N, C-alpha and C. Protein backbone atom coordinates (compact mmCIF):
# COMPACT_ATOMS: atom_id res chain seq x y z
N UNK A 1 0.82 -1.19 0.00
CA UNK A 1 0.02 0.02 0.01
C UNK A 1 0.83 1.27 0.02
N UNK A 2 1.97 1.24 0.73
CA UNK A 2 2.87 2.36 0.72
C UNK A 2 3.47 2.67 -0.60
N UNK A 3 3.78 1.59 -1.35
CA UNK A 3 4.35 1.75 -2.69
C UNK A 3 3.33 2.33 -3.62
N UNK A 4 2.09 1.92 -3.49
CA UNK A 4 1.01 2.48 -4.35
C UNK A 4 0.80 3.96 -4.03
N UNK A 5 0.86 4.30 -2.79
CA UNK A 5 0.73 5.69 -2.34
C UNK A 5 1.86 6.55 -2.88
N UNK A 6 3.06 5.97 -2.87
CA UNK A 6 4.24 6.69 -3.41
C UNK A 6 4.13 6.89 -4.91
N UNK A 7 3.64 5.90 -5.62
CA UNK A 7 3.46 6.00 -7.08
C UNK A 7 2.41 7.06 -7.40
N UNK A 8 1.33 7.04 -6.64
CA UNK A 8 0.30 8.02 -6.88
C UNK A 8 0.82 9.47 -6.64
N UNK A 9 1.58 9.64 -5.58
CA UNK A 9 2.12 10.96 -5.29
C UNK A 9 3.15 11.43 -6.34
N UNK A 10 3.93 10.48 -6.91
CA UNK A 10 4.85 10.84 -7.96
C UNK A 10 4.06 11.25 -9.21
N UNK A 11 3.02 10.57 -9.51
CA UNK A 11 2.18 10.94 -10.66
C UNK A 11 1.55 12.31 -10.46
N UNK A 12 1.12 12.59 -9.24
CA UNK A 12 0.59 13.95 -8.95
C UNK A 12 1.67 15.00 -9.10
N UNK A 13 2.88 14.67 -8.69
CA UNK A 13 3.97 15.60 -8.89
C UNK A 13 4.21 15.93 -10.32
N UNK A 14 4.23 14.91 -11.15
CA UNK A 14 4.39 15.16 -12.62
C UNK A 14 3.21 15.91 -13.19
N UNK A 15 2.03 15.61 -12.72
CA UNK A 15 0.82 16.33 -13.21
C UNK A 15 0.74 17.77 -12.69
N UNK A 16 1.43 18.08 -11.63
CA UNK A 16 1.41 19.44 -11.09
C UNK A 16 2.40 20.41 -11.72
N UNK A 17 3.16 19.94 -12.65
CA UNK A 17 4.15 20.83 -13.33
C UNK A 17 3.39 21.81 -14.19
N UNK A 18 3.82 23.06 -14.26
CA UNK A 18 3.13 24.11 -14.98
C UNK A 18 3.35 24.02 -16.46
N UNK A 19 2.62 23.13 -17.14
CA UNK A 19 2.81 22.97 -18.57
C UNK A 19 1.66 23.60 -19.36
N UNK A 20 0.52 23.85 -18.73
CA UNK A 20 -0.62 24.39 -19.44
C UNK A 20 -0.57 25.90 -19.38
N UNK A 21 -1.13 26.53 -20.36
CA UNK A 21 -1.11 27.99 -20.46
C UNK A 21 -1.74 28.67 -19.24
N UNK A 22 -2.85 28.17 -18.73
CA UNK A 22 -3.51 28.81 -17.61
C UNK A 22 -2.78 28.59 -16.29
N UNK A 23 -1.95 27.56 -16.19
CA UNK A 23 -1.20 27.25 -14.95
C UNK A 23 0.17 27.75 -14.92
N UNK A 24 0.66 28.42 -15.93
CA UNK A 24 2.00 28.91 -15.93
C UNK A 24 2.21 29.99 -14.90
N UNK A 25 1.20 30.79 -14.62
CA UNK A 25 1.32 31.86 -13.66
C UNK A 25 1.40 31.31 -12.24
N UNK A 26 1.05 30.05 -12.03
CA UNK A 26 1.15 29.48 -10.64
C UNK A 26 2.58 29.21 -10.26
N UNK A 27 3.43 29.07 -11.24
CA UNK A 27 4.84 28.74 -10.95
C UNK A 27 4.96 27.27 -10.56
N UNK A 28 5.92 26.96 -9.72
CA UNK A 28 6.13 25.56 -9.39
C UNK A 28 5.58 25.28 -8.01
N UNK A 29 4.71 26.12 -7.47
CA UNK A 29 4.14 25.89 -6.10
C UNK A 29 3.34 24.59 -6.06
N UNK A 30 2.49 24.21 -6.96
CA UNK A 30 1.76 22.90 -6.79
C UNK A 30 2.72 21.72 -6.82
N UNK A 31 3.68 21.71 -7.75
CA UNK A 31 4.62 20.63 -7.81
C UNK A 31 5.53 20.58 -6.64
N UNK A 32 5.88 21.76 -6.09
CA UNK A 32 6.69 21.83 -4.88
C UNK A 32 6.00 21.29 -3.67
N UNK A 33 4.72 21.61 -3.53
CA UNK A 33 3.97 21.05 -2.40
C UNK A 33 3.79 19.55 -2.47
N UNK A 34 3.51 19.04 -3.66
CA UNK A 34 3.42 17.60 -3.82
C UNK A 34 4.76 16.93 -3.67
N UNK A 35 5.80 17.59 -4.09
CA UNK A 35 7.14 17.06 -3.93
C UNK A 35 7.49 16.96 -2.47
N UNK A 36 7.08 17.91 -1.70
CA UNK A 36 7.33 17.88 -0.25
C UNK A 36 6.61 16.73 0.40
N UNK A 37 5.36 16.44 -0.07
CA UNK A 37 4.62 15.31 0.47
C UNK A 37 5.33 13.99 0.09
N UNK A 38 5.82 13.90 -1.11
CA UNK A 38 6.57 12.68 -1.53
C UNK A 38 7.79 12.47 -0.67
N UNK A 39 8.54 13.60 -0.42
CA UNK A 39 9.75 13.52 0.37
C UNK A 39 9.45 13.06 1.80
N UNK A 40 8.40 13.62 2.36
CA UNK A 40 7.98 13.23 3.74
C UNK A 40 7.60 11.73 3.76
N UNK A 41 6.85 11.30 2.76
CA UNK A 41 6.43 9.91 2.69
C UNK A 41 7.62 8.96 2.56
N UNK A 42 8.62 9.35 1.71
CA UNK A 42 9.86 8.52 1.59
C UNK A 42 10.58 8.40 2.89
N UNK A 43 10.75 9.55 3.60
CA UNK A 43 11.41 9.52 4.92
C UNK A 43 10.67 8.64 5.92
N UNK A 44 9.39 8.74 5.94
CA UNK A 44 8.58 7.94 6.85
C UNK A 44 8.70 6.45 6.54
N UNK A 45 8.80 6.10 5.23
CA UNK A 45 8.96 4.73 4.84
C UNK A 45 10.35 4.24 5.18
N UNK A 46 11.37 5.09 5.00
CA UNK A 46 12.74 4.67 5.29
C UNK A 46 12.93 4.43 6.75
N UNK A 47 12.37 5.26 7.61
CA UNK A 47 12.57 5.16 9.02
C UNK A 47 11.51 4.28 9.69
N UNK A 48 10.74 3.58 8.86
CA UNK A 48 9.72 2.56 9.35
C UNK A 48 8.73 3.17 10.25
N UNK A 49 8.37 4.41 10.09
CA UNK A 49 7.26 5.02 10.87
C UNK A 49 5.96 4.51 10.24
N UNK A 50 5.93 4.41 8.92
CA UNK A 50 4.84 3.78 8.18
C UNK A 50 5.33 2.39 7.74
N UNK A 51 4.78 1.35 8.23
CA UNK A 51 5.22 0.03 7.84
C UNK A 51 4.99 -0.21 6.33
N UNK A 52 5.83 -0.90 5.70
CA UNK A 52 5.72 -1.07 4.27
C UNK A 52 4.56 -1.93 3.83
N UNK A 53 3.95 -2.65 4.72
CA UNK A 53 2.83 -3.49 4.34
C UNK A 53 1.50 -2.93 4.82
N UNK A 54 1.41 -1.64 5.12
CA UNK A 54 0.18 -1.10 5.65
C UNK A 54 -0.89 -1.03 4.60
């Protein structure tokens, strides 16, 4: 389940990049926020705070 959550967050990170015309003014804030969530999840998985089989 943790791996599935990590994959979903990585896909959200790629989807949050400002590639569309209307979202270019947002900058990298959406991707940065999702990237921070991915980083926190990776650290929690590494330090076994979230068990890998949850």
